Protein backbone atom coordinates (compact mmCIF):
# COMPACT_ATOMS: atom_id res chain seq x y z
CA MET A 1 12.00 18.76 247.25
CA ARG A 2 12.40 20.27 243.79
CA GLN A 3 14.68 23.23 243.17
CA ILE A 4 16.06 25.15 240.18
CA ARG A 5 19.86 25.17 240.02
CA ALA A 6 22.24 27.01 237.70
CA PHE A 7 24.92 24.85 236.09
CA GLY A 8 26.45 27.32 233.64
CA PRO A 9 25.54 30.07 231.17
CA GLN A 10 21.86 29.72 230.22
CA ASP A 11 21.79 26.28 231.84
CA LEU A 12 19.10 26.02 234.53
CA ARG A 13 17.90 22.60 235.64
CA MET A 14 15.31 21.17 237.99
CA VAL A 15 16.96 19.03 240.66
CA GLU A 16 15.84 17.03 243.67
CA THR A 17 17.40 18.02 246.99
CA GLU A 18 16.84 17.58 250.71
CA ASP A 19 14.05 19.48 252.42
CA PRO A 20 15.36 22.35 254.59
CA VAL A 21 15.27 21.90 258.37
CA PRO A 22 14.33 24.95 260.45
CA GLY A 23 16.91 26.18 262.91
CA THR A 24 16.28 28.05 266.13
CA GLY A 25 13.81 30.86 265.48
CA GLU A 26 13.19 29.67 261.93
CA VAL A 27 10.22 28.32 260.01
CA VAL A 28 10.02 26.35 256.78
CA VAL A 29 7.81 27.98 254.16
CA ASP A 30 6.33 26.00 251.28
CA VAL A 31 6.81 28.52 248.46
CA MET A 32 3.53 29.13 246.63
CA ALA A 33 4.69 32.17 244.64
CA CYS A 34 8.02 33.86 243.97
CA GLY A 35 8.51 36.98 241.90
CA ILE A 36 11.37 37.15 239.42
CA CYS A 37 13.39 40.30 240.12
CA GLY A 38 15.70 42.05 237.68
CA SER A 39 18.56 41.32 240.07
CA ASP A 40 17.93 37.58 239.57
CA LYS A 41 19.43 37.84 236.09
CA TRP A 42 22.83 36.79 237.45
CA PHE A 43 21.35 33.28 237.63
CA TRP A 44 21.38 33.13 233.81
CA TYR A 45 25.06 34.04 233.46
CA VAL A 46 26.96 31.90 235.98
CA GLU A 47 30.16 30.37 234.64
CA GLY A 48 29.61 26.94 236.15
CA PRO A 49 27.59 25.04 238.76
CA HIS A 50 26.53 27.47 241.47
CA PRO A 51 25.54 26.60 245.05
CA TYR A 52 23.27 29.61 245.52
CA VAL A 53 19.70 29.64 244.21
CA ALA A 54 18.00 32.81 243.00
CA GLY A 55 14.54 33.99 243.96
CA HIS A 56 13.98 36.38 246.87
CA GLU A 57 10.37 37.51 246.45
CA ALA A 58 8.68 34.57 248.15
CA ALA A 59 5.30 33.93 249.75
CA GLY A 60 3.81 30.67 250.92
CA VAL A 61 2.58 28.50 253.77
CA VAL A 62 4.43 27.64 256.97
CA SER A 63 4.94 23.86 256.98
CA ALA A 64 7.35 23.43 259.91
CA VAL A 65 8.56 25.49 262.88
CA GLY A 66 11.87 25.32 264.66
CA PRO A 67 12.69 25.73 268.35
CA GLY A 68 12.10 29.21 269.72
CA VAL A 69 9.38 30.15 267.23
CA ARG A 70 6.82 32.16 269.18
CA GLU A 71 3.96 33.30 266.97
CA LEU A 72 3.80 31.47 263.66
CA ARG A 73 2.04 28.15 263.34
CA VAL A 74 1.93 25.47 260.66
CA GLY A 75 -0.62 26.57 258.05
CA ASP A 76 -0.01 30.32 258.40
CA ARG A 77 0.20 32.18 255.10
CA VAL A 78 3.21 34.52 254.95
CA ALA A 79 5.30 36.81 252.78
CA VAL A 80 9.06 36.73 253.36
CA ASN A 81 11.29 39.77 253.77
CA ASN A 82 14.44 38.76 251.91
CA VAL A 83 17.07 40.50 254.07
CA ARG A 84 18.31 38.78 257.22
CA GLY A 85 19.87 40.93 259.93
CA CYS A 86 21.69 40.00 263.10
CA GLY A 87 18.48 40.35 265.10
CA GLU A 88 20.21 42.23 267.93
CA CYS A 89 21.35 45.68 266.76
CA GLU A 90 19.17 48.78 267.08
CA ALA A 91 18.02 48.59 263.44
CA CYS A 92 17.01 44.95 263.81
CA ARG A 93 15.09 45.71 267.00
CA GLU A 94 13.13 48.19 264.89
CA GLU A 95 12.56 45.46 262.27
CA ALA A 96 14.71 47.33 259.75
CA TYR A 97 16.94 44.36 258.98
CA VAL A 98 18.14 45.97 255.77
CA ARG A 99 19.92 48.60 257.89
CA CYS A 100 21.53 46.01 260.16
CA THR A 101 24.97 47.01 261.46
CA GLY A 102 25.79 43.60 262.88
CA GLY A 103 25.80 41.37 259.83
CA LEU A 104 23.35 41.80 256.97
CA SER A 105 22.77 39.01 254.46
CA HIS A 106 20.43 38.49 251.54
CA MET A 107 18.18 35.43 251.40
CA GLY A 108 17.41 33.71 248.13
CA PHE A 109 16.47 30.13 247.29
CA GLY A 110 12.93 31.17 246.35
CA PHE A 111 13.12 29.08 243.17
CA SER A 112 12.62 26.05 245.42
CA GLU A 113 9.58 24.28 246.79
CA LYS A 114 10.62 25.04 250.38
CA ILE A 115 12.80 27.59 252.16
CA ALA A 116 13.90 27.97 255.79
CA VAL A 117 13.73 31.58 257.00
CA PRO A 118 13.70 33.46 260.33
CA GLU A 119 10.26 33.85 261.86
CA ARG A 120 10.98 37.57 262.30
CA ASN A 121 11.24 37.94 258.50
CA CYS A 122 7.72 36.64 257.91
CA LEU A 123 4.64 38.81 257.51
CA LYS A 124 1.27 37.12 257.95
CA LEU A 125 -0.85 37.63 254.87
CA HIS A 126 -4.31 39.15 255.11
CA ASP A 127 -7.06 36.81 253.92
CA ALA A 128 -7.72 39.16 250.98
CA ILE A 129 -4.13 38.90 249.71
CA SER A 130 -3.18 36.08 247.34
CA PHE A 131 0.22 34.40 247.36
CA GLU A 132 1.09 36.15 244.08
CA GLN A 133 0.25 39.52 245.61
CA GLY A 134 2.08 38.62 248.80
CA ALA A 135 5.25 37.78 246.87
CA LEU A 136 5.36 41.39 245.64
CA ILE A 137 4.98 43.06 249.05
CA PHE A 138 8.56 43.39 250.23
CA ASP A 139 10.85 43.90 247.24
CA ASN A 140 8.68 45.02 244.35
CA TRP A 141 6.48 47.41 246.34
CA GLY A 142 8.29 47.64 249.68
CA THR A 143 11.51 48.87 248.09
CA PRO A 144 10.02 52.05 246.58
CA TYR A 145 7.69 52.47 249.56
CA SER A 146 10.66 52.50 251.95
CA ALA A 147 12.50 54.94 249.70
CA LEU A 148 9.55 57.34 249.48
CA ALA A 149 9.03 57.07 253.24
CA ARG A 150 12.37 58.85 253.63
CA THR A 151 10.97 61.92 251.85
CA ASN A 152 8.29 64.53 252.54
CA MET A 153 6.51 63.93 249.23
CA LYS A 154 2.97 65.29 249.31
CA ALA A 155 -0.04 65.92 247.11
CA GLY A 156 0.72 68.32 244.28
CA ASP A 157 4.47 67.66 244.18
CA THR A 158 6.00 66.91 240.79
CA VAL A 159 7.97 63.69 240.45
CA LEU A 160 10.09 62.20 237.70
CA VAL A 161 10.54 58.42 237.81
CA THR A 162 13.44 57.21 235.68
CA GLY A 163 13.33 53.52 234.79
CA CYS A 164 9.94 51.81 234.55
CA GLY A 165 10.77 48.24 235.33
CA PRO A 166 8.66 46.67 238.09
CA ILE A 167 10.28 48.76 240.84
CA GLY A 168 9.86 51.98 238.88
CA LEU A 169 6.24 51.15 238.03
CA ALA A 170 5.52 50.52 241.70
CA ALA A 171 7.17 53.87 242.46
CA VAL A 172 4.84 55.57 239.96
CA GLY A 173 1.82 53.99 241.65
CA LEU A 174 3.00 54.95 245.14
CA CYS A 175 3.76 58.55 244.13
CA ARG A 176 0.27 58.81 242.65
CA GLN A 177 -1.16 57.30 245.84
CA ARG A 178 0.44 60.24 247.67
CA GLY A 179 -1.23 62.66 245.26
CA ALA A 180 1.90 63.67 243.34
CA ARG A 181 1.98 64.48 239.62
CA VAL A 182 4.25 61.97 237.91
CA ALA A 183 6.30 61.88 234.72
CA ALA A 184 8.08 58.66 233.77
CA VAL A 185 10.98 57.86 231.44
CA ASP A 186 12.00 54.50 229.98
CA VAL A 187 13.33 53.09 226.72
CA LEU A 188 10.61 50.43 226.27
CA PRO A 189 7.14 51.39 224.96
CA ALA A 190 5.45 48.57 226.91
CA ARG A 191 6.85 49.93 230.16
CA LEU A 192 5.79 53.48 229.32
CA ALA A 193 2.27 52.24 228.60
CA ALA A 194 2.28 50.49 231.97
CA ALA A 195 3.46 53.71 233.64
CA LYS A 196 0.46 55.52 232.18
CA ARG A 197 -1.81 52.81 233.59
CA GLN A 198 -0.15 53.38 236.97
CA GLY A 199 -1.09 57.05 236.77
CA ALA A 200 1.84 58.81 235.11
CA GLU A 201 0.58 61.98 233.43
CA TRP A 202 3.53 62.23 231.04
CA THR A 203 5.78 59.53 229.64
CA GLY A 204 8.69 59.57 227.23
CA ALA A 205 11.85 57.88 226.06
CA PRO A 206 15.41 59.26 226.18
CA GLY A 207 16.24 61.47 223.23
CA ASP A 208 16.87 65.01 222.07
CA GLY A 209 14.72 67.58 223.79
CA LEU A 210 13.65 65.28 226.62
CA ALA A 211 14.83 67.60 229.39
CA ASP A 212 12.97 70.55 227.88
CA GLU A 213 9.73 68.55 227.64
CA LEU A 214 10.08 67.40 231.22
CA CYS A 215 10.71 70.92 232.48
CA ARG A 216 7.59 72.09 230.68
CA PHE A 217 5.64 69.38 232.47
CA ALA A 218 7.13 70.20 235.88
CA GLY A 219 6.72 73.96 235.53
CA LYS A 220 8.19 76.27 238.15
CA ASP A 221 11.96 75.72 238.10
CA GLY A 222 11.88 71.92 237.83
CA PHE A 223 10.77 68.75 239.61
CA ASP A 224 10.36 68.48 243.36
CA TYR A 225 11.58 64.87 243.22
CA VAL A 226 13.47 62.55 240.92
CA VAL A 227 13.09 58.87 241.80
CA GLU A 228 15.89 57.01 240.02
CA CYS A 229 15.04 53.33 239.47
CA SER A 230 17.01 52.44 236.33
CA GLY A 231 20.56 52.15 237.64
CA HIS A 232 21.83 53.92 234.49
CA PRO A 233 24.33 56.81 234.78
CA SER A 234 22.52 58.82 232.10
CA SER A 235 19.48 59.06 234.38
CA TYR A 236 21.53 61.11 236.81
CA ASP A 237 22.59 63.54 234.10
CA LEU A 238 18.91 63.99 233.30
CA GLY A 239 17.87 64.17 236.93
CA PHE A 240 20.36 66.87 237.87
CA GLU A 241 19.23 68.90 234.85
CA VAL A 242 15.49 68.83 235.58
CA ILE A 243 15.41 68.81 239.40
CA GLY A 244 14.21 72.09 240.91
CA MET A 245 15.62 74.28 243.65
CA GLY A 246 15.58 72.45 246.97
CA GLY A 247 14.57 69.20 245.27
CA THR A 248 15.29 65.64 246.31
CA ILE A 249 16.87 62.85 244.27
CA VAL A 250 15.83 59.44 245.57
CA VAL A 251 18.31 56.70 244.65
CA VAL A 252 16.75 53.25 244.20
CA GLY A 253 18.41 51.74 241.11
CA GLU A 254 21.67 49.97 241.89
CA LYS A 255 25.19 49.95 240.43
CA ALA A 256 25.18 53.19 238.46
CA GLU A 257 28.68 54.65 238.38
CA ILE A 258 28.31 58.41 238.29
CA ARG A 259 30.49 61.50 238.41
CA VAL A 260 28.90 64.76 239.44
CA ASN A 261 30.29 68.20 240.06
CA SER A 262 29.39 69.10 243.64
CA SER A 263 28.25 72.52 242.45
CA ARG A 264 25.22 70.84 240.84
CA ILE A 265 24.16 69.75 244.32
CA ILE A 266 25.16 72.87 246.20
CA HIS A 267 23.71 75.50 243.89
CA LYS A 268 20.26 73.89 243.91
CA HIS A 269 20.36 73.00 247.63
CA LEU A 270 19.55 69.39 246.76
CA THR A 271 18.94 66.43 249.01
CA ILE A 272 20.09 62.99 247.86
CA THR A 273 18.67 59.99 249.69
CA GLY A 274 19.27 56.29 249.14
CA SER A 275 17.26 53.29 250.24
CA LEU A 276 17.73 49.54 249.88
CA TYR A 277 14.88 47.00 249.96
CA SER A 278 12.15 47.09 252.61
CA THR A 279 11.68 47.11 256.35
CA MET A 280 9.03 44.98 258.07
CA PRO A 281 6.92 48.05 258.99
CA ALA A 282 7.01 49.12 255.33
CA GLY A 283 5.83 45.66 254.29
CA ARG A 284 2.90 45.88 256.68
CA ALA A 285 2.02 49.32 255.31
CA VAL A 286 2.19 48.07 251.71
CA GLN A 287 -0.12 45.17 252.54
CA GLU A 288 -2.61 47.63 254.06
CA LEU A 289 -2.55 49.72 250.87
CA MET A 290 -3.23 46.54 248.89
CA VAL A 291 -6.11 45.49 251.15
CA ARG A 292 -7.68 48.95 250.95
CA GLY A 293 -7.37 48.93 247.16
CA GLU A 294 -5.15 52.02 247.07
CA ILE A 295 -2.56 50.21 244.95
CA ASP A 296 -2.98 47.31 242.53
CA PRO A 297 -0.06 44.94 243.10
CA MET A 298 -0.79 42.86 240.01
CA ALA A 299 -1.20 45.79 237.61
CA PHE A 300 2.03 45.11 235.72
CA VAL A 301 2.41 41.36 236.29
CA THR A 302 2.34 40.14 232.69
CA HIS A 303 3.46 36.50 232.99
CA THR A 304 3.30 33.59 235.41
CA PHE A 305 5.35 30.40 235.18
CA ARG A 306 5.36 27.09 236.98
CA LEU A 307 8.57 26.11 238.75
CA GLU A 308 9.20 23.32 236.28
CA GLU A 309 8.87 25.79 233.38
CA LEU A 310 11.52 28.15 234.72
CA PRO A 311 14.59 26.59 233.00
CA GLU A 312 12.88 27.04 229.63
CA LYS A 313 11.20 30.40 230.32
CA PHE A 314 13.95 32.26 232.18
CA GLY A 315 15.46 33.47 228.91
CA ASP A 316 12.14 35.16 228.10
CA VAL A 317 12.51 37.15 231.31
CA ILE A 318 16.05 38.20 230.40
CA GLU A 319 14.93 39.37 226.94
CA ALA A 320 11.62 40.89 228.12
CA LYS A 321 9.99 38.76 225.45
CA ASP A 322 6.34 39.15 224.44
CA GLY A 323 5.96 42.39 226.40
CA LEU A 324 7.10 40.78 229.64
CA ILE A 325 7.35 43.31 232.46
CA LYS A 326 6.97 41.29 235.64
CA ALA A 327 6.84 37.51 236.01
CA VAL A 328 5.90 35.41 239.03
CA VAL A 329 6.66 31.74 239.56
CA VAL A 330 3.56 30.03 240.94
CA ARG A 331 2.89 26.62 242.45
């Protein structure tokens, strides 16, 4: 099969490699679509040949089944949840593999023609859902869905979303689906325009007076929720300033190193909640929202590439060239 490998900085190449063989409880999925996530950028910066292959937002067709597979059959259309758990702990029994306490691992290799994955990580796609839409179920939409599911957000609440990359834009859409009033902040005009299309009532870029403008939008004593999707420390400074009494800060963006005086949390009686990726139940719920037309999964997909184009086009993704917001590799 064909696969994209990283051989050094900005050096991606198409290679031929052996087809994967399904192990016990596994299926082989012929990848028909794979989203390119912001976290895949590491693939562009490796120092030398790397054994791991990026791409974790995959959907496709089951082409082989291993021993012990119970429900899936060759020809089934599926989306793949990219986090493998131990399969035995309490979290895994609840299909929340991302909270596994017995050995969590991340599955990539989506920039390949075929991948071998556990049957339990596969969600059958509804007939109305395309492979491109299916590839966005678990990470792009499931990540913010799982995060918001840990809150009591309701119609009429005010929400600030910081960072309007694909995850943040999905968060805007999901907050609006719950009936919340949303403001969104990002540095890129194209992303702010996309946030408006997702239903944000107010958008703006970082700068002097931003907190005052946001507080005017939120009214009362500040926002009910801040959903942080950027992974930038400055977003926390802003969030703590504009969050209201008893508010909740939802942490989605990764790797922000922050320092906060505990009094900022205590004096406003804040709740801080974190969430990583998606559970299987969340993926099923996201697909239902897609089928019912309550969210538009393709609303901010701006580019599609063929697998063979990826070595040449990956730099465009890194630079967000030509207004690129979200790209999907298609077969």
